[in-house]
């Protein structure tokens, strides 16, 4: 959120609420336009917002944003330019083509399989089910339509947040890489502006570490599905054979109601649930989970979710009004 102060003919003073990708980009745009009297208010102790790394099992993994989506199309994604050309982040092409062959189920009917693939096509991208997601921003999805259908998973120990820092370093004063500019105010609480037209979706990436790998590896095995009779119950899985060799870490993604349910229970309960799912996929002989990390975006008072989703009933006109 950006606020302007000052008379019409004087040089404006600007307060930018939030030091995530949008806030830092807005500040840089203003700086490039000659507006230097700016203050960035960020509630947490760092910039980057949902682009935030956390140490898990000796690795820096991404708590939030993880993919550069929209690569290989007719136009170049500006995030790809920074991540690939400027920062040379360590990243890997995500190949979902063989997902249909990597589905595990514990029931005979085909319904759980169909639901798992429906989840992959909708909830896995928008963090909410098709019944509440508008087609206005999904068919086509602008990111892929504009920039291409490819996705790259960022697995760089500097963190995906380095993209935001790359922009900030171009106009904020620094000392040995640390931002010292007094125009950036960290640990500041902001006034909450509720934009009720849009949903705040919850997308949770749960990391679990095992003593050794027991899942299939090699080409065409990185992503796999668990087909449960309960929609969204630990459905999308990913191993890190290439990204973090020898880590023995799996990532399972949950969203929406399952994210909120899991956030409200102790990690020990989540760990037990995941262990039961893994046993149903690979057998009773799998080793016990050594460590688990469960992000809690919904419970975080500064975020209250992972990203917005365009719900049914909101028109393009209302969306444009929000952007003004």
Protein backbone atom coordinates (compact mmCIF):
# COMPACT_ATOMS: atom_id res chain seq x y z
CA UNK A 1 0.00 0.00 0.00
CA UNK A 2 1.39 3.42 -0.99
CA UNK A 3 0.36 6.74 0.56
CA UNK A 4 1.19 10.18 -0.85
CA UNK A 5 1.65 13.27 1.28
CA UNK A 6 2.36 16.92 0.35
CA UNK A 7 0.95 19.70 -1.78
CA UNK A 8 0.16 19.21 -5.43
CA UNK A 9 3.13 21.22 -6.70
CA UNK A 10 5.69 20.11 -4.09
CA UNK A 11 7.92 17.06 -4.23
CA UNK A 12 5.85 14.23 -2.79
CA UNK A 13 6.64 12.28 0.35
CA UNK A 14 5.63 8.64 0.15
CA UNK A 15 4.96 5.98 2.77
CA UNK A 16 5.07 2.41 1.44
CA UNK A 17 3.46 -0.18 3.69
CA UNK A 18 5.19 -3.54 3.34
CA UNK A 19 8.69 -4.55 2.28
CA UNK A 20 7.78 -7.52 0.13
CA UNK A 21 8.27 -7.77 -3.62
CA UNK A 22 5.48 -5.26 -4.32
CA UNK A 23 6.66 -2.72 -1.76
CA UNK A 24 10.31 -2.82 -2.77
CA UNK A 25 9.38 -2.68 -6.47
CA UNK A 26 7.14 0.34 -5.82
CA UNK A 27 9.93 2.07 -3.91
CA UNK A 28 12.44 1.40 -6.67
CA UNK A 29 10.01 2.71 -9.31
CA UNK A 30 9.51 5.92 -7.33
CA UNK A 31 13.25 6.28 -6.76
CA UNK A 32 13.93 5.91 -10.49
CA UNK A 33 11.30 8.60 -11.14
CA UNK A 34 13.11 11.04 -8.86
CA UNK A 35 11.01 10.61 -5.72
CA UNK A 36 13.57 10.14 -2.95
CA UNK A 37 11.51 11.13 0.12
CA UNK A 38 10.13 7.68 0.85
CA UNK A 39 9.68 5.53 3.94
CA UNK A 40 9.15 1.75 3.75
CA UNK A 41 7.31 0.30 6.76
CA UNK A 42 7.83 -3.44 7.17
CA UNK A 43 6.21 -5.29 10.08
CA UNK A 44 8.80 -8.09 10.28
CA UNK A 45 12.57 -7.98 10.78
CA UNK A 46 13.47 -8.43 7.11
CA UNK A 47 12.29 -7.61 3.61
CA UNK A 48 11.00 -10.17 1.12
CA UNK A 49 7.53 -10.93 2.49
CA UNK A 50 6.55 -14.45 1.49
CA UNK A 51 9.89 -14.91 -0.28
CA UNK A 52 11.62 -16.18 2.84
CA UNK A 53 14.11 -18.96 3.46
CA UNK A 54 14.38 -21.05 6.63
CA UNK A 55 17.01 -23.56 7.74
CA UNK A 56 15.71 -27.13 7.81
CA UNK A 57 17.87 -30.23 8.18
CA UNK A 58 20.99 -28.22 7.37
CA UNK A 59 19.47 -26.74 4.21
CA UNK A 60 18.08 -23.31 3.42
CA UNK A 61 14.64 -24.16 2.02
CA UNK A 62 11.88 -21.80 0.90
CA UNK A 63 9.09 -21.26 3.39
CA UNK A 64 6.95 -19.52 0.79
CA UNK A 65 7.51 -18.69 -2.89
CA UNK A 66 9.71 -21.30 -4.56
CA UNK A 67 9.16 -21.36 -8.31
CA UNK A 68 9.89 -18.93 -11.12
CA UNK A 69 6.69 -19.52 -13.05
CA UNK A 70 6.27 -18.48 -16.66
CA UNK A 71 9.49 -19.21 -18.57
CA UNK A 72 10.10 -20.05 -22.21
CA UNK A 73 7.34 -17.97 -23.79
CA UNK A 74 7.20 -15.10 -26.24
CA UNK A 75 7.97 -12.51 -23.55
CA UNK A 76 10.70 -12.68 -20.91
CA UNK A 77 9.54 -12.85 -17.31
CA UNK A 78 11.34 -10.05 -15.41
CA UNK A 79 11.72 -12.30 -12.36
CA UNK A 80 13.49 -14.85 -14.57
CA UNK A 81 15.87 -12.13 -15.78
CA UNK A 82 16.88 -11.32 -12.20
CA UNK A 83 17.01 -14.92 -10.96
CA UNK A 84 18.81 -16.34 -13.99
CA UNK A 85 20.86 -13.53 -15.57
CA UNK A 86 21.62 -11.23 -12.65
CA UNK A 87 21.85 -13.48 -9.60
CA UNK A 88 22.48 -16.88 -11.25
CA UNK A 89 20.31 -18.59 -8.64
CA UNK A 90 20.57 -22.35 -8.43
CA UNK A 91 17.32 -23.62 -9.93
CA UNK A 92 15.87 -26.69 -11.59
CA UNK A 93 13.25 -27.30 -14.26
CA UNK A 94 10.12 -28.87 -12.78
CA UNK A 95 8.82 -31.65 -15.00
CA UNK A 96 5.26 -32.73 -14.19
CA UNK A 97 4.76 -34.69 -17.43
CA UNK A 98 5.02 -38.12 -15.80
CA UNK A 99 2.75 -37.34 -12.85
CA UNK A 100 0.01 -39.68 -14.09
CA UNK A 101 2.36 -42.62 -13.57
CA UNK A 102 3.30 -41.58 -10.04
CA UNK A 103 -0.01 -41.84 -8.20
CA UNK A 104 -0.41 -43.85 -5.02
CA UNK A 105 -3.77 -44.83 -3.54
CA UNK A 106 -4.96 -47.02 -0.71
CA UNK A 107 -8.49 -47.65 -1.99
CA UNK A 108 -9.78 -49.51 -5.01
CA UNK A 109 -12.26 -46.94 -6.48
CA UNK A 110 -10.95 -44.49 -9.08
CA UNK A 111 -12.61 -41.48 -7.43
CA UNK A 112 -9.64 -40.64 -5.16
CA UNK A 113 -7.32 -40.70 -8.19
CA UNK A 114 -9.58 -38.35 -10.12
CA UNK A 115 -9.83 -36.03 -7.13
CA UNK A 116 -6.04 -36.00 -6.73
CA UNK A 117 -5.54 -34.92 -10.34
CA UNK A 118 -8.30 -32.34 -10.02
CA UNK A 119 -6.49 -31.03 -6.93
CA UNK A 120 -3.24 -30.84 -8.90
CA UNK A 121 -4.93 -28.86 -11.69
CA UNK A 122 -6.60 -26.33 -9.38
CA UNK A 123 -5.79 -26.24 -5.66
CA UNK A 124 -2.06 -26.86 -6.19
CA UNK A 125 -1.88 -23.62 -8.21
CA UNK A 126 -4.50 -21.38 -6.57
CA UNK A 127 -4.64 -22.87 -3.05
CA UNK A 128 -8.44 -23.08 -3.24
CA UNK A 129 -10.84 -25.55 -4.91
CA UNK A 130 -12.50 -24.93 -8.31
CA UNK A 131 -15.89 -24.21 -6.73
CA UNK A 132 -14.63 -20.85 -5.41
CA UNK A 133 -12.03 -19.89 -8.03
CA UNK A 134 -13.09 -17.58 -10.84
CA UNK A 135 -12.11 -18.40 -14.43
CA UNK A 136 -11.44 -14.72 -15.11
CA UNK A 137 -7.84 -14.96 -13.96
CA UNK A 138 -7.23 -18.64 -14.64
CA UNK A 139 -8.17 -19.33 -18.26
CA UNK A 140 -5.66 -18.42 -19.45
CA UNK A 141 -3.40 -17.88 -16.43
CA UNK A 142 -1.62 -14.59 -17.21
CA UNK A 143 1.83 -15.62 -15.95
CA UNK A 144 2.03 -18.68 -18.19
CA UNK A 145 0.19 -17.04 -21.07
CA UNK A 146 2.54 -14.04 -21.11
CA UNK A 147 5.87 -15.63 -20.26
CA UNK A 148 5.66 -19.36 -21.07
CA UNK A 149 4.59 -22.68 -19.59
CA UNK A 150 7.86 -23.71 -17.92
CA UNK A 151 8.55 -23.61 -14.17
CA UNK A 152 11.89 -23.58 -12.36
CA UNK A 153 12.26 -24.58 -8.71
CA UNK A 154 14.65 -22.27 -6.84
CA UNK A 155 17.00 -24.30 -4.62
CA UNK A 156 19.67 -21.68 -3.92
CA UNK A 157 21.12 -21.35 -0.42
CA UNK A 158 20.95 -17.55 -0.77
CA UNK A 159 17.17 -17.90 -0.91
CA UNK A 160 14.57 -16.72 -3.40
CA UNK A 161 14.35 -13.55 -1.28
CA UNK A 162 17.65 -12.47 -2.87
CA UNK A 163 15.54 -11.30 -5.83
CA UNK A 164 13.92 -8.70 -3.56
CA UNK A 165 17.27 -7.74 -2.05
CA UNK A 166 18.70 -7.34 -5.56
CA UNK A 167 16.08 -4.67 -6.25
CA UNK A 168 16.50 -3.02 -2.83
CA UNK A 169 20.28 -2.77 -3.16
CA UNK A 170 19.84 -0.69 -6.31
CA UNK A 171 18.39 2.30 -4.41
CA UNK A 172 18.78 1.77 -0.66
CA UNK A 173 22.04 2.50 1.19
CA UNK A 174 23.94 -0.61 2.30
CA UNK A 175 26.98 -1.58 4.35
CA UNK A 176 28.66 -4.85 3.37
CA UNK A 177 25.41 -6.10 1.90
CA UNK A 178 23.26 -5.11 4.88
CA UNK A 179 20.62 -2.45 4.24
CA UNK A 180 21.34 0.55 6.47
CA UNK A 181 19.10 3.08 4.72
CA UNK A 182 16.97 4.90 7.29
CA UNK A 183 14.11 4.99 4.82
CA UNK A 184 13.54 1.28 5.51
CA UNK A 185 11.81 0.76 8.85
CA UNK A 186 11.68 -2.86 9.99
CA UNK A 187 9.59 -4.36 12.78
CA UNK A 188 6.81 -1.80 12.24
CA UNK A 189 3.16 -2.82 12.53
CA UNK A 190 0.92 -1.48 9.80
CA UNK A 191 -2.71 -0.38 9.60
CA UNK A 192 -4.70 -3.30 8.18
CA UNK A 193 -6.69 -2.50 5.05
CA UNK A 194 -9.15 -5.30 4.35
CA UNK A 195 -9.89 -5.85 0.68
CA UNK A 196 -12.90 -8.08 1.08
CA UNK A 197 -13.51 -8.79 -2.60
CA UNK A 198 -10.59 -11.22 -2.85
CA UNK A 199 -9.93 -14.41 -0.92
CA UNK A 200 -6.73 -14.91 1.03
CA UNK A 201 -5.67 -18.44 0.16
CA UNK A 202 -3.37 -20.64 2.24
CA UNK A 203 -0.65 -22.72 0.55
CA UNK A 204 1.55 -24.79 2.88
CA UNK A 205 4.77 -26.57 1.94
CA UNK A 206 5.66 -29.13 4.61
CA UNK A 207 9.22 -30.46 4.66
CA UNK A 208 10.00 -33.86 6.21
CA UNK A 209 13.42 -35.47 6.64
CA UNK A 210 14.07 -39.23 6.72
CA UNK A 211 17.29 -41.12 7.59
CA UNK A 212 17.50 -42.44 4.02
CA UNK A 213 15.61 -42.32 0.74
CA UNK A 214 13.10 -45.10 0.07
CA UNK A 215 11.05 -43.47 -2.71
CA UNK A 216 11.59 -43.89 -6.47
CA UNK A 217 14.26 -41.64 -7.97
CA UNK A 218 15.45 -40.88 -11.49
CA UNK A 219 13.82 -39.18 -14.44
CA UNK A 220 10.05 -38.84 -14.27
CA UNK A 221 9.75 -39.53 -10.53
CA UNK A 222 10.27 -36.14 -8.86
CA UNK A 223 6.57 -35.34 -8.36
CA UNK A 224 4.02 -37.90 -7.18
CA UNK A 225 0.44 -37.97 -5.90
CA UNK A 226 -1.27 -39.52 -2.92
CA UNK A 227 -4.91 -40.26 -3.78
CA UNK A 228 -6.98 -40.03 -0.63
CA UNK A 229 -10.77 -40.14 -0.29
CA UNK A 230 -10.46 -36.80 1.54
CA UNK A 231 -9.76 -33.92 -0.84
CA UNK A 232 -6.44 -32.21 -0.24
CA UNK A 233 -5.15 -34.72 2.32
CA UNK A 234 -1.36 -34.61 1.76
CA UNK A 235 -1.80 -34.93 -2.03
CA UNK A 236 1.23 -33.46 -3.87
CA UNK A 237 4.73 -34.77 -3.10
CA UNK A 238 8.19 -33.90 -4.36
CA UNK A 239 11.67 -35.30 -3.75
CA UNK A 240 14.96 -33.43 -4.08
CA UNK A 241 17.32 -35.88 -5.77
CA UNK A 242 18.77 -33.08 -7.93
CA UNK A 243 18.10 -29.98 -5.85
CA UNK A 244 19.50 -31.21 -2.51
CA UNK A 245 21.40 -34.47 -3.19
CA UNK A 246 21.65 -36.75 -0.18
CA UNK A 247 19.30 -34.66 1.94
CA UNK A 248 16.62 -37.39 2.22
CA UNK A 249 13.98 -34.67 2.38
CA UNK A 250 10.46 -34.82 0.94
CA UNK A 251 8.10 -31.90 0.38
CA UNK A 252 4.34 -32.34 0.64
CA UNK A 253 1.96 -29.50 -0.25
CA UNK A 254 -1.42 -28.87 1.35
CA UNK A 255 -3.80 -25.94 0.92
CA UNK A 256 -7.01 -24.25 2.06
CA UNK A 257 -8.94 -26.03 4.84
CA UNK A 258 -6.23 -28.65 5.27
CA UNK A 259 -3.63 -25.91 5.76
CA UNK A 260 -5.76 -24.25 8.42
CA UNK A 261 -6.46 -27.58 10.13
CA UNK A 262 -2.79 -28.53 10.22
CA UNK A 263 -1.73 -25.11 11.52
CA UNK A 264 -3.95 -25.60 14.57
CA UNK A 265 -2.53 -28.97 15.58
CA UNK A 266 0.90 -29.79 17.04
CA UNK A 267 3.64 -30.80 14.62
CA UNK A 268 3.75 -34.21 16.31
CA UNK A 269 0.20 -34.89 15.08
CA UNK A 270 1.07 -33.75 11.56
CA UNK A 271 4.16 -35.91 11.65
CA UNK A 272 2.07 -38.95 12.61
CA UNK A 273 -0.45 -38.26 9.84
CA UNK A 274 2.30 -37.92 7.24
CA UNK A 275 3.97 -41.08 8.49
CA UNK A 276 0.70 -42.98 8.02
CA UNK A 277 0.34 -41.63 4.47
CA UNK A 278 3.93 -42.56 3.58
CA UNK A 279 3.36 -46.08 4.88
CA UNK A 280 0.25 -46.42 2.72
CA UNK A 281 2.25 -45.33 -0.32
CA UNK A 282 5.47 -47.29 0.24
CA UNK A 283 4.72 -49.97 2.82
CA UNK A 284 5.04 -50.49 6.57
CA UNK A 285 8.83 -50.80 6.46
CA UNK A 286 9.60 -47.13 5.80
CA UNK A 287 11.82 -45.41 8.40
CA UNK A 288 10.52 -42.91 10.93
CA UNK A 289 10.57 -39.20 10.15
CA UNK A 290 13.58 -37.51 11.74
CA UNK A 291 12.47 -33.87 11.43
CA UNK A 292 9.54 -31.82 10.16
CA UNK A 293 8.93 -28.16 9.31
CA UNK A 294 5.38 -26.80 9.00
CA UNK A 295 5.00 -23.13 7.89
CA UNK A 296 2.05 -21.27 9.43
CA UNK A 297 1.12 -18.48 7.04
CA UNK A 298 -2.54 -18.39 8.09
CA UNK A 299 -1.71 -18.00 11.79
CA UNK A 300 0.87 -15.29 11.14
CA UNK A 301 -0.80 -11.96 12.00
CA UNK A 302 1.33 -10.13 9.43
CA UNK A 303 0.30 -12.37 6.52
CA UNK A 304 -2.98 -14.21 7.32
CA UNK A 305 -2.42 -16.45 4.31
CA UNK A 306 -0.12 -17.16 1.41
CA UNK A 307 -1.52 -15.20 -1.54
CA UNK A 308 -4.78 -13.79 -2.86
CA UNK A 309 -7.13 -15.74 -5.09
CA UNK A 310 -9.71 -14.30 -7.50
CA UNK A 311 -13.06 -15.69 -6.30
CA UNK A 312 -16.23 -16.26 -8.28
CA UNK A 313 -18.40 -13.14 -8.39
CA UNK A 314 -15.64 -10.54 -8.59
CA UNK A 315 -15.62 -8.80 -11.96
CA UNK A 316 -12.76 -7.33 -13.95
CA UNK A 317 -14.11 -3.85 -13.15
CA UNK A 318 -13.85 -4.49 -9.40
CA UNK A 319 -10.34 -5.85 -9.87
CA UNK A 320 -9.28 -2.74 -11.79
CA UNK A 321 -10.79 -0.55 -9.06
CA UNK A 322 -8.55 -2.26 -6.50
CA UNK A 323 -5.50 -1.61 -8.68
CA UNK A 324 -6.16 2.14 -8.95
